[in-house]
């Protein structure tokens, strides 16, 4: 597809997003809001896992840190949601930097297991801290206001959610086209190859890890002020696995895959809740978990077969081309 067609499709998609509240029901707009919020968290996993090659199951914990930070500040301290955003980014980014410094030197399944461990720890921390309501959570979270206009309805906050998502997608695309972005892609080639290009692998890993966490912070901030209630349940490790499933469904090596995967999984989950009782009357609601477990296993099998076809060659080749000239270039004369 040529560049003109890509731009045409992009502008068409933006036009549909703008017109969606005029064409769809309020329930459909609510679903689109959740898709946009989930896509922000899944986008972090696309950068971290799909492009950077670091598997993490703890993305939901970072969403929770941001949601609780803004909920506590706005409800308990009666501050603006915009101050809540700053606190959410600060706490989430700082927490990610600390956790990344401790765990990112691990590799393979050790890294994945460590993300499960601290994801569980943060989840139970939410449920046992009296200052944030323990498992009862924090209610009456105020809505976001812009110019004195409170974004209370689903339609009003819809434009904010998707504006943030589109802006983040553009920034991520620019990042991946830069030298730093090609360094992130090169991480999949292994530590020795990355070091041979003059890149500090741990520094790039930590920066990518923090960026993914900050995307989760945006997701958590929007979620808290849209739902107006925060409790530990949406930030369990199971939800972290769901975010990973979204990234896998849409395509781990593509930024738009986060949006596609979030849409597919959210709509599938909603359809499962609607039609599963009809297909299997009297079945437990836990059967939904079984359906998603089967889907997850099938996707893992497909990912294993297609591993060599995803992003193994081209981004690493671009990284080598980008850094080769810088490494081989003789130093300037004093």
Protein backbone atom coordinates (compact mmCIF):
# COMPACT_ATOMS: atom_id res chain seq x y z
CA UNK A 1 0.00 0.00 0.00
CA UNK A 2 1.41 3.36 -1.02
CA UNK A 3 1.99 6.26 1.32
CA UNK A 4 -0.97 8.17 -0.12
CA UNK A 5 -3.32 5.24 0.52
CA UNK A 6 -2.00 4.85 4.04
CA UNK A 7 -2.68 8.50 4.77
CA UNK A 8 -6.12 8.22 3.16
CA UNK A 9 -7.00 5.24 5.36
CA UNK A 10 -5.66 7.07 8.40
CA UNK A 11 -7.72 10.18 7.78
CA UNK A 12 -10.77 7.99 7.08
CA UNK A 13 -10.30 6.22 10.41
CA UNK A 14 -9.99 9.56 12.23
CA UNK A 15 -13.15 10.81 10.51
CA UNK A 16 -15.04 7.69 11.65
CA UNK A 17 -13.80 8.20 15.21
CA UNK A 18 -15.04 11.80 15.16
CA UNK A 19 -18.47 10.80 13.82
CA UNK A 20 -18.86 7.69 15.99
CA UNK A 21 -20.91 9.38 18.77
CA UNK A 22 -23.39 10.55 16.12
CA UNK A 23 -23.74 7.09 14.58
CA UNK A 24 -23.51 4.66 17.49
CA UNK A 25 -25.51 4.01 20.65
CA UNK A 26 -24.28 5.16 24.09
CA UNK A 27 -23.44 1.55 24.98
CA UNK A 28 -21.26 1.23 21.87
CA UNK A 29 -19.48 4.46 22.79
CA UNK A 30 -18.81 3.04 26.26
CA UNK A 31 -17.27 -0.03 24.63
CA UNK A 32 -15.11 2.22 22.46
CA UNK A 33 -13.97 4.05 25.60
CA UNK A 34 -12.83 0.80 27.17
CA UNK A 35 -11.15 -0.23 23.92
CA UNK A 36 -9.17 3.03 23.88
CA UNK A 37 -8.14 2.67 27.53
CA UNK A 38 -7.10 -0.96 27.11
CA UNK A 39 -5.24 -0.11 23.90
CA UNK A 40 -2.95 2.28 25.80
CA UNK A 41 -1.87 -0.50 28.15
CA UNK A 42 -1.55 -3.00 25.29
CA UNK A 43 0.54 -0.50 23.32
CA UNK A 44 3.07 -0.55 26.15
CA UNK A 45 3.31 -4.32 25.75
CA UNK A 46 3.76 -3.99 21.99
CA UNK A 47 6.80 -1.79 22.64
CA UNK A 48 8.07 -3.87 25.55
CA UNK A 49 7.38 -7.43 24.40
CA UNK A 50 6.65 -7.36 20.70
CA UNK A 51 9.44 -4.97 19.72
CA UNK A 52 11.78 -5.03 22.72
CA UNK A 53 11.49 -8.78 23.38
CA UNK A 54 10.85 -8.48 27.17
CA UNK A 55 7.87 -10.53 28.36
CA UNK A 56 5.84 -8.93 31.16
CA UNK A 57 2.65 -9.96 32.93
CA UNK A 58 2.65 -6.96 35.26
CA UNK A 59 1.20 -4.25 33.05
CA UNK A 60 -2.09 -4.23 34.99
CA UNK A 61 -0.21 -3.38 38.19
CA UNK A 62 1.09 -0.16 36.63
CA UNK A 63 -2.43 0.70 35.47
CA UNK A 64 -3.53 0.20 39.07
CA UNK A 65 -0.79 2.38 40.56
CA UNK A 66 -1.85 5.28 38.35
CA UNK A 67 -5.57 4.75 38.97
CA UNK A 68 -5.13 4.63 42.73
CA UNK A 69 -2.75 7.62 42.72
CA UNK A 70 -5.19 9.92 40.93
CA UNK A 71 -8.21 8.56 42.85
CA UNK A 72 -6.54 9.11 46.23
CA UNK A 73 -5.34 12.63 45.36
CA UNK A 74 -8.64 13.81 43.91
CA UNK A 75 -10.93 12.20 46.51
CA UNK A 76 -8.90 12.34 49.73
CA UNK A 77 -7.04 15.58 49.07
CA UNK A 78 -9.66 17.26 46.84
CA UNK A 79 -7.16 18.09 44.09
CA UNK A 80 -7.62 18.46 40.34
CA UNK A 81 -7.55 15.33 38.14
CA UNK A 82 -4.75 17.01 36.18
CA UNK A 83 -2.63 17.03 39.34
CA UNK A 84 -3.69 13.42 39.70
CA UNK A 85 -2.25 12.75 36.25
CA UNK A 86 1.11 14.20 37.27
CA UNK A 87 1.17 12.13 40.46
CA UNK A 88 0.13 9.02 38.51
CA UNK A 89 2.95 9.47 35.99
CA UNK A 90 5.47 10.20 38.73
CA UNK A 91 4.60 7.20 40.91
CA UNK A 92 4.21 4.79 38.01
CA UNK A 93 7.42 5.89 36.29
CA UNK A 94 9.38 5.83 39.56
CA UNK A 95 8.01 2.43 40.52
CA UNK A 96 8.81 1.06 37.06
CA UNK A 97 12.36 2.40 37.27
CA UNK A 98 12.90 0.66 40.63
CA UNK A 99 11.32 -2.62 39.57
CA UNK A 100 13.11 -2.54 36.23
CA UNK A 101 16.48 -1.91 37.86
CA UNK A 102 15.92 -5.00 40.02
CA UNK A 103 14.38 -7.41 37.51
CA UNK A 104 15.51 -6.49 33.99
CA UNK A 105 18.90 -8.12 34.41
CA UNK A 106 16.99 -11.40 34.45
CA UNK A 107 16.14 -13.01 31.15
CA UNK A 108 13.71 -15.44 29.59
CA UNK A 109 11.20 -17.11 31.89
CA UNK A 110 12.93 -15.67 34.97
CA UNK A 111 11.90 -12.16 33.90
CA UNK A 112 8.34 -13.29 33.17
CA UNK A 113 8.05 -15.00 36.56
CA UNK A 114 9.39 -11.93 38.35
CA UNK A 115 6.72 -9.74 36.70
CA UNK A 116 4.05 -12.16 37.93
CA UNK A 117 5.54 -11.99 41.44
CA UNK A 118 5.56 -8.21 41.79
CA UNK A 119 2.24 -7.95 39.94
CA UNK A 120 0.63 -10.14 42.60
CA UNK A 121 2.39 -8.21 45.37
CA UNK A 122 1.08 -4.86 44.11
CA UNK A 123 -2.43 -6.26 43.69
CA UNK A 124 -2.57 -7.49 47.29
CA UNK A 125 -0.98 -4.26 48.47
CA UNK A 126 -3.96 -2.37 47.02
CA UNK A 127 -6.32 -4.67 48.90
CA UNK A 128 -4.61 -4.32 52.27
CA UNK A 129 -3.85 -0.60 52.51
CA UNK A 130 -6.46 1.17 54.61
CA UNK A 131 -5.52 4.55 53.10
CA UNK A 132 -6.91 3.43 49.71
CA UNK A 133 -9.96 1.61 51.06
CA UNK A 134 -8.51 -1.92 50.98
CA UNK A 135 -10.68 -4.23 48.83
CA UNK A 136 -13.61 -1.78 49.04
CA UNK A 137 -11.66 0.67 46.90
CA UNK A 138 -12.23 4.41 46.41
CA UNK A 139 -15.57 5.72 45.17
CA UNK A 140 -16.85 9.10 43.99
CA UNK A 141 -13.76 9.84 41.88
CA UNK A 142 -14.43 13.21 40.21
CA UNK A 143 -14.59 13.50 36.42
CA UNK A 144 -11.92 15.21 34.34
CA UNK A 145 -12.72 18.85 33.57
CA UNK A 146 -11.51 20.89 30.60
CA UNK A 147 -12.13 24.62 30.70
CA UNK A 148 -14.78 24.20 33.39
CA UNK A 149 -16.62 21.51 31.38
CA UNK A 150 -16.82 18.20 33.27
CA UNK A 151 -16.40 15.08 31.12
CA UNK A 152 -19.15 13.12 32.85
CA UNK A 153 -20.89 11.36 29.98
CA UNK A 154 -19.43 8.58 27.87
CA UNK A 155 -19.54 10.78 24.78
CA UNK A 156 -17.67 13.68 26.39
CA UNK A 157 -14.77 11.59 27.68
CA UNK A 158 -14.74 9.55 24.46
CA UNK A 159 -13.01 12.35 22.55
CA UNK A 160 -10.36 12.77 25.25
CA UNK A 161 -9.57 9.05 25.37
CA UNK A 162 -9.17 8.68 21.62
CA UNK A 163 -7.29 11.97 21.24
CA UNK A 164 -4.76 10.74 23.80
CA UNK A 165 -4.53 7.34 22.08
CA UNK A 166 -4.00 8.79 18.58
CA UNK A 167 -1.37 11.22 19.92
CA UNK A 168 0.48 8.41 21.70
CA UNK A 169 0.41 6.25 18.55
CA UNK A 170 1.96 9.05 16.52
CA UNK A 171 4.65 9.62 19.15
CA UNK A 172 5.41 5.89 19.30
CA UNK A 173 5.68 5.71 15.50
CA UNK A 174 8.15 8.61 15.52
CA UNK A 175 10.10 6.93 18.31
CA UNK A 176 10.46 3.68 16.38
CA UNK A 177 11.68 5.59 13.34
CA UNK A 178 14.46 7.19 15.37
CA UNK A 179 17.86 5.82 16.38
CA UNK A 180 16.57 5.06 19.88
CA UNK A 181 13.63 3.15 18.41
CA UNK A 182 15.93 1.03 16.26
CA UNK A 183 17.99 0.33 19.37
CA UNK A 184 14.83 -1.00 21.05
CA UNK A 185 14.19 -3.25 18.04
CA UNK A 186 17.76 -4.49 18.18
CA UNK A 187 17.20 -5.89 21.69
CA UNK A 188 15.61 -8.94 20.10
CA UNK A 189 18.96 -9.83 18.58
CA UNK A 190 20.47 -10.63 21.98
CA UNK A 191 22.84 -8.90 24.38
CA UNK A 192 26.07 -9.65 22.48
CA UNK A 193 24.79 -8.25 19.20
CA UNK A 194 23.39 -5.14 20.90
CA UNK A 195 26.67 -4.47 22.69
CA UNK A 196 28.57 -4.92 19.42
CA UNK A 197 26.56 -1.98 18.06
CA UNK A 198 27.73 0.26 20.89
CA UNK A 199 24.37 0.17 22.69
CA UNK A 200 24.01 -0.27 26.43
CA UNK A 201 21.33 -3.01 26.51
CA UNK A 202 20.32 -2.49 30.14
CA UNK A 203 19.80 1.25 29.66
CA UNK A 204 17.61 0.68 26.59
CA UNK A 205 15.68 -2.08 28.38
CA UNK A 206 15.03 0.13 31.39
CA UNK A 207 13.95 3.08 29.24
CA UNK A 208 11.54 0.86 27.29
CA UNK A 209 10.20 -0.65 30.50
CA UNK A 210 9.51 2.80 31.96
CA UNK A 211 7.87 4.00 28.72
CA UNK A 212 5.52 1.00 28.75
CA UNK A 213 4.67 1.75 32.38
CA UNK A 214 3.91 5.41 31.57
CA UNK A 215 1.49 4.30 28.86
CA UNK A 216 -0.19 2.16 31.51
CA UNK A 217 -0.32 5.23 33.75
CA UNK A 218 -2.30 7.11 31.10
CA UNK A 219 -4.62 4.14 30.85
CA UNK A 220 -5.13 4.00 34.63
CA UNK A 221 -5.73 7.74 34.92
CA UNK A 222 -8.41 7.70 32.22
CA UNK A 223 -9.97 4.54 33.66
CA UNK A 224 -10.27 6.00 37.18
CA UNK A 225 -11.98 9.20 36.04
CA UNK A 226 -14.24 7.45 33.54
CA UNK A 227 -15.49 4.68 35.85
CA UNK A 228 -15.47 7.04 38.91
CA UNK A 229 -14.55 4.05 41.11
CA UNK A 230 -11.28 2.23 41.77
CA UNK A 231 -10.87 -1.20 43.40
CA UNK A 232 -8.14 -3.87 43.19
CA UNK A 233 -10.09 -6.29 40.95
CA UNK A 234 -9.27 -4.66 37.54
CA UNK A 235 -5.53 -4.73 38.31
CA UNK A 236 -4.99 -8.42 39.02
CA UNK A 237 -2.38 -10.49 37.19
CA UNK A 238 -5.24 -12.11 35.24
CA UNK A 239 -5.94 -8.71 33.69
CA UNK A 240 -2.23 -8.39 32.91
CA UNK A 241 -2.48 -11.64 30.96
CA UNK A 242 -5.52 -10.20 29.17
CA UNK A 243 -3.48 -7.15 28.11
CA UNK A 244 -0.82 -9.49 26.74
CA UNK A 245 -3.53 -11.38 24.86
CA UNK A 246 -4.70 -8.11 23.30
CA UNK A 247 -1.20 -7.33 22.08
CA UNK A 248 -0.84 -10.82 20.64
CA UNK A 249 -4.20 -10.80 18.86
CA UNK A 250 -3.49 -7.53 17.10
CA UNK A 251 0.10 -8.35 16.23
CA UNK A 252 2.99 -7.91 18.64
CA UNK A 253 5.20 -6.17 16.11
CA UNK A 254 2.73 -3.47 15.03
CA UNK A 255 1.64 -0.37 16.96
CA UNK A 256 -1.89 -0.48 15.57
CA UNK A 257 -2.03 -4.08 16.74
CA UNK A 258 -2.68 -2.75 20.25
CA UNK A 259 -5.87 -1.06 19.06
CA UNK A 260 -6.98 -4.02 16.95
CA UNK A 261 -6.26 -6.49 19.75
CA UNK A 262 -8.02 -4.38 22.38
CA UNK A 263 -11.06 -4.12 20.11
CA UNK A 264 -11.18 -7.83 19.29
CA UNK A 265 -10.73 -9.02 22.88
CA UNK A 266 -13.15 -6.45 24.35
CA UNK A 267 -15.86 -7.23 21.81
CA UNK A 268 -15.26 -10.98 22.17
CA UNK A 269 -15.47 -10.72 25.95
CA UNK A 270 -18.70 -8.75 25.71
CA UNK A 271 -20.16 -11.25 23.22
CA UNK A 272 -19.12 -14.16 25.43
CA UNK A 273 -20.94 -12.65 28.38
CA UNK A 274 -24.05 -12.15 26.22
CA UNK A 275 -24.19 -15.46 24.34
CA UNK A 276 -22.49 -17.98 26.62
CA UNK A 277 -25.57 -18.31 28.89
CA UNK A 278 -27.67 -18.98 25.76
CA UNK A 279 -25.27 -21.58 24.34
CA UNK A 280 -24.66 -23.27 27.70
CA UNK A 281 -27.64 -22.56 29.99
CA UNK A 282 -26.85 -22.88 33.66
CA UNK A 283 -23.09 -22.74 33.05
CA UNK A 284 -20.96 -20.90 35.57
CA UNK A 285 -19.69 -17.44 34.69
CA UNK A 286 -16.20 -18.87 35.18
CA UNK A 287 -16.64 -20.66 31.84
CA UNK A 288 -15.66 -17.34 30.23
CA UNK A 289 -12.16 -17.82 31.63
CA UNK A 290 -12.00 -21.25 30.00
CA UNK A 291 -12.88 -19.75 26.61
CA UNK A 292 -10.14 -17.15 26.88
CA UNK A 293 -7.64 -19.72 28.14
CA UNK A 294 -8.22 -21.85 25.03
CA UNK A 295 -7.86 -18.78 22.82
CA UNK A 296 -4.63 -17.81 24.58
CA UNK A 297 -3.14 -21.29 24.05
CA UNK A 298 -4.05 -21.23 20.35
CA UNK A 299 -2.43 -17.82 19.95
CA UNK A 300 0.72 -19.00 21.71
CA UNK A 301 0.95 -21.91 19.26
CA UNK A 302 0.56 -19.53 16.30
CA UNK A 303 3.13 -17.13 17.75
CA UNK A 304 5.60 -19.99 18.11
CA UNK A 305 5.18 -21.03 14.47
CA UNK A 306 5.40 -17.49 13.13
CA UNK A 307 8.25 -16.34 15.35
CA UNK A 308 10.73 -16.16 12.50
CA UNK A 309 8.33 -14.09 10.41
CA UNK A 310 7.37 -11.35 12.87
CA UNK A 311 10.08 -8.75 13.31
CA UNK A 312 13.25 -10.77 13.64
CA UNK A 313 15.06 -9.41 10.59
CA UNK A 314 14.05 -6.00 9.34
CA UNK A 315 14.18 -3.88 12.53
CA UNK A 316 17.49 -5.45 13.55
CA UNK A 317 18.86 -4.86 10.08
CA UNK A 318 17.79 -1.23 10.28
CA UNK A 319 19.46 -0.93 13.67
CA UNK A 320 22.70 -2.36 12.29
CA UNK A 321 22.56 0.04 9.36
CA UNK A 322 21.90 2.96 11.67
CA UNK A 323 24.70 2.22 14.10
CA UNK A 324 27.31 0.80 11.71
CA UNK A 325 28.18 4.21 10.32
CA UNK A 326 28.40 5.73 13.79
CA UNK A 327 30.68 2.96 15.08
CA UNK A 328 32.98 2.76 12.05
CA UNK A 329 33.27 6.51 11.58
CA UNK A 330 36.72 7.71 12.71
CA UNK A 331 36.79 10.27 15.50
CA UNK A 332 37.09 13.90 14.55
CA UNK A 333 40.46 15.53 14.78
CA UNK A 334 40.92 17.73 17.79
